[in-house]
């Protein structure tokens, strides 16, 4: 009789442990899915447009709750024509005047020349073709770090968007390059944007 009761207690313990494990697993997966949907996203880099900051097949974590993007931030957003996830650097925010006088001249924001050596692709030109835009409120002007290989705001000026991206199309701010591990990096805003008024 005592042996039977012990066996029954052992069976109940095993069943309880299994249920608890399954419940914890389900809760863990649910929490991970919620974080992925609303807080942190993982994105891979499909092109050379952000070299050398981001190389093809690099992976980044994106903070979806980071708030409004600022100049110098790297953001993931719904692209201009296809709506595909795209990644670029914020050069101008609402109210900014962004100008390129000549391909060899620096990009200026509100009259301040940007010193972009810390992230611009080595040997690349700062801006390419001439342009002068004033960013409307609620919009962003975005450019890739590898300017000659980036179809960014400059390439979409003739479209209805005039090259600007709406803030509501921003998915989040890239905060960490986590893959490959030997190139892991926490992103910070480049100093050059501190000078822009």
Protein backbone atom coordinates (compact mmCIF):
# COMPACT_ATOMS: atom_id res chain seq x y z
CA UNK A 1 0.00 0.00 0.00
CA UNK A 2 2.78 2.45 0.99
CA UNK A 3 4.71 1.59 -2.18
CA UNK A 4 1.63 2.36 -4.31
CA UNK A 5 1.15 5.77 -2.64
CA UNK A 6 4.83 6.63 -3.18
CA UNK A 7 4.57 5.62 -6.85
CA UNK A 8 1.44 7.76 -7.29
CA UNK A 9 3.18 10.75 -5.65
CA UNK A 10 6.20 10.27 -7.94
CA UNK A 11 3.94 10.15 -11.04
CA UNK A 12 2.16 13.37 -9.96
CA UNK A 13 5.52 15.07 -9.40
CA UNK A 14 6.73 14.06 -12.88
CA UNK A 15 3.49 15.27 -14.52
CA UNK A 16 3.65 18.57 -12.59
CA UNK A 17 7.29 19.12 -13.59
CA UNK A 18 6.52 18.41 -17.26
CA UNK A 19 3.52 20.79 -17.25
CA UNK A 20 5.62 23.48 -15.59
CA UNK A 21 8.37 23.07 -18.20
CA UNK A 22 5.88 23.30 -21.08
CA UNK A 23 4.20 26.35 -19.52
CA UNK A 24 7.56 28.12 -19.05
CA UNK A 25 8.54 27.27 -22.63
CA UNK A 26 5.26 28.66 -24.01
CA UNK A 27 5.57 31.82 -21.89
CA UNK A 28 9.19 32.28 -23.02
CA UNK A 29 8.28 31.96 -26.71
CA UNK A 30 5.32 34.32 -26.24
CA UNK A 31 7.50 36.91 -24.52
CA UNK A 32 10.15 36.64 -27.26
CA UNK A 33 7.48 37.16 -29.94
CA UNK A 34 6.09 40.21 -28.11
CA UNK A 35 9.58 41.71 -27.79
CA UNK A 36 10.24 41.06 -31.49
CA UNK A 37 6.93 42.64 -32.50
CA UNK A 38 6.98 45.73 -30.30
CA UNK A 39 10.40 46.39 -28.72
CA UNK A 40 13.47 44.86 -30.37
CA UNK A 41 13.85 43.70 -33.96
CA UNK A 42 16.69 41.92 -35.70
CA UNK A 43 17.55 42.91 -39.27
CA UNK A 44 20.18 41.74 -41.73
CA UNK A 45 22.00 43.98 -44.20
CA UNK A 46 21.25 43.04 -47.85
CA UNK A 47 23.44 45.54 -49.76
CA UNK A 48 26.65 47.57 -49.71
CA UNK A 49 24.87 50.93 -49.29
CA UNK A 50 25.97 51.33 -45.65
CA UNK A 51 29.58 50.12 -46.00
CA UNK A 52 31.86 50.17 -44.08
CA UNK A 53 29.59 50.79 -41.11
CA UNK A 54 27.47 47.79 -42.12
CA UNK A 55 28.59 45.07 -44.52
CA UNK A 56 26.42 42.66 -46.50
CA UNK A 57 24.96 39.99 -44.16
CA UNK A 58 25.76 41.95 -40.99
CA UNK A 59 22.97 41.76 -38.42
CA UNK A 60 21.71 44.57 -36.22
CA UNK A 61 19.30 44.92 -33.34
CA UNK A 62 16.79 47.73 -33.76
CA UNK A 63 15.07 49.49 -30.87
CA UNK A 64 11.45 50.06 -31.90
CA UNK A 65 10.76 52.25 -28.85
CA UNK A 66 13.72 54.64 -29.27
CA UNK A 67 11.51 57.65 -30.05
CA UNK A 68 11.92 60.13 -32.89
CA UNK A 69 15.12 59.64 -34.88
CA UNK A 70 17.82 62.32 -34.64
CA UNK A 71 20.51 63.41 -37.08
CA UNK A 72 23.22 60.77 -37.33
CA UNK A 73 21.01 57.86 -36.22
CA UNK A 74 20.94 54.71 -38.32
CA UNK A 75 17.31 53.72 -38.85
CA UNK A 76 15.34 50.85 -40.37
CA UNK A 77 12.22 52.00 -42.23
CA UNK A 78 9.70 50.99 -44.87
CA UNK A 79 11.44 51.86 -48.17
CA UNK A 80 10.44 54.47 -50.71
CA UNK A 81 8.76 52.49 -53.47
CA UNK A 82 8.61 48.85 -52.42
CA UNK A 83 7.90 49.25 -48.72
CA UNK A 84 10.70 46.78 -47.99
CA UNK A 85 12.71 47.18 -44.80
CA UNK A 86 15.61 49.52 -45.61
CA UNK A 87 18.46 50.91 -43.51
CA UNK A 88 20.11 54.35 -43.89
CA UNK A 89 21.57 57.18 -41.81
CA UNK A 90 19.47 60.22 -40.85
CA UNK A 91 21.08 63.35 -42.28
CA UNK A 92 18.19 65.82 -41.92
CA UNK A 93 15.09 66.01 -39.72
CA UNK A 94 11.99 68.20 -40.05
CA UNK A 95 12.92 71.85 -40.66
CA UNK A 96 16.54 71.14 -41.71
CA UNK A 97 17.99 72.51 -44.94
CA UNK A 98 20.29 69.87 -46.47
CA UNK A 99 22.53 71.04 -49.33
CA UNK A 100 25.11 69.55 -51.68
CA UNK A 101 26.81 72.20 -53.82
CA UNK A 102 29.25 69.87 -55.56
CA UNK A 103 30.15 66.17 -55.36
CA UNK A 104 33.49 67.02 -53.74
CA UNK A 105 32.04 69.49 -51.23
CA UNK A 106 30.71 68.30 -47.87
CA UNK A 107 26.99 67.96 -47.27
CA UNK A 108 25.75 70.90 -45.21
CA UNK A 109 22.86 70.87 -42.75
CA UNK A 110 21.51 74.33 -41.87
CA UNK A 111 24.72 75.79 -43.28
CA UNK A 112 27.03 73.59 -41.17
CA UNK A 113 29.37 71.34 -43.19
CA UNK A 114 29.34 67.73 -42.05
CA UNK A 115 32.69 66.09 -41.28
CA UNK A 116 31.75 62.52 -42.23
CA UNK A 117 35.12 60.70 -42.30
CA UNK A 118 34.19 58.59 -39.27
CA UNK A 119 31.48 56.74 -41.21
CA UNK A 120 31.69 57.67 -44.93
CA UNK A 121 33.02 54.89 -47.17
CA UNK A 122 36.77 55.49 -47.72
CA UNK A 123 37.45 57.49 -50.89
CA UNK A 124 33.73 58.02 -51.60
CA UNK A 125 32.27 61.45 -52.39
CA UNK A 126 30.16 63.14 -49.70
CA UNK A 127 27.07 63.77 -51.79
CA UNK A 128 27.27 63.20 -55.56
CA UNK A 129 24.84 65.29 -57.59
CA UNK A 130 23.87 68.78 -56.46
CA UNK A 131 20.73 69.11 -54.38
CA UNK A 132 19.13 71.51 -51.95
CA UNK A 133 16.15 70.40 -49.86
CA UNK A 134 14.27 71.60 -46.82
CA UNK A 135 12.94 68.66 -44.83
CA UNK A 136 9.21 69.04 -44.10
CA UNK A 137 7.93 68.52 -40.53
CA UNK A 138 7.42 64.85 -39.71
CA UNK A 139 9.85 63.72 -42.44
CA UNK A 140 13.49 62.59 -42.69
CA UNK A 141 16.26 62.95 -45.29
CA UNK A 142 18.31 59.72 -45.34
CA UNK A 143 21.60 58.79 -46.97
CA UNK A 144 23.76 55.67 -47.06
CA UNK A 145 27.34 55.74 -45.79
CA UNK A 146 28.57 54.33 -49.13
CA UNK A 147 27.15 57.24 -51.12
CA UNK A 148 28.08 56.02 -54.62
CA UNK A 149 26.38 52.66 -53.94
CA UNK A 150 23.28 53.94 -52.11
CA UNK A 151 19.83 54.53 -53.62
CA UNK A 152 18.79 56.87 -50.81
CA UNK A 153 16.77 60.11 -50.53
CA UNK A 154 18.79 61.60 -53.41
CA UNK A 155 17.64 58.87 -55.80
CA UNK A 156 13.93 59.37 -55.00
CA UNK A 157 13.59 63.15 -55.37
CA UNK A 158 11.50 62.83 -58.56
CA UNK A 159 8.90 60.66 -56.82
CA UNK A 160 5.80 61.81 -54.94
CA UNK A 161 7.74 61.58 -51.64
CA UNK A 162 10.46 63.93 -53.02
CA UNK A 163 12.93 61.57 -51.35
CA UNK A 164 11.66 62.12 -47.81
CA UNK A 165 10.58 59.34 -45.46
CA UNK A 166 7.64 59.83 -43.11
CA UNK A 167 8.37 59.32 -39.41
CA UNK A 168 5.51 56.80 -39.25
CA UNK A 169 7.43 54.59 -41.71
CA UNK A 170 10.40 54.30 -39.35
CA UNK A 171 10.53 50.87 -37.69
CA UNK A 172 13.27 51.75 -35.24
CA UNK A 173 16.78 52.89 -34.52
CA UNK A 174 19.72 50.51 -35.03
CA UNK A 175 21.47 50.24 -31.67
CA UNK A 176 23.88 47.29 -31.97
CA UNK A 177 25.67 45.42 -34.73
CA UNK A 178 25.72 41.95 -33.16
CA UNK A 179 26.85 39.79 -36.08
CA UNK A 180 29.51 38.89 -36.92
CA UNK A 181 30.67 38.71 -33.31
CA UNK A 182 34.18 39.96 -34.12
CA UNK A 183 32.66 43.22 -35.45
CA UNK A 184 30.06 43.73 -32.70
CA UNK A 185 29.50 47.43 -32.04
CA UNK A 186 27.13 49.72 -30.14
CA UNK A 187 26.14 52.61 -32.43
CA UNK A 188 26.56 56.18 -31.22
CA UNK A 189 25.67 59.48 -32.88
CA UNK A 190 28.66 60.90 -34.82
CA UNK A 191 30.15 64.08 -33.28
CA UNK A 192 29.73 66.06 -36.50
CA UNK A 193 25.98 66.40 -35.88
CA UNK A 194 26.61 68.11 -32.51
CA UNK A 195 27.66 71.24 -34.43
CA UNK A 196 24.42 71.49 -36.42
CA UNK A 197 21.99 74.13 -35.11
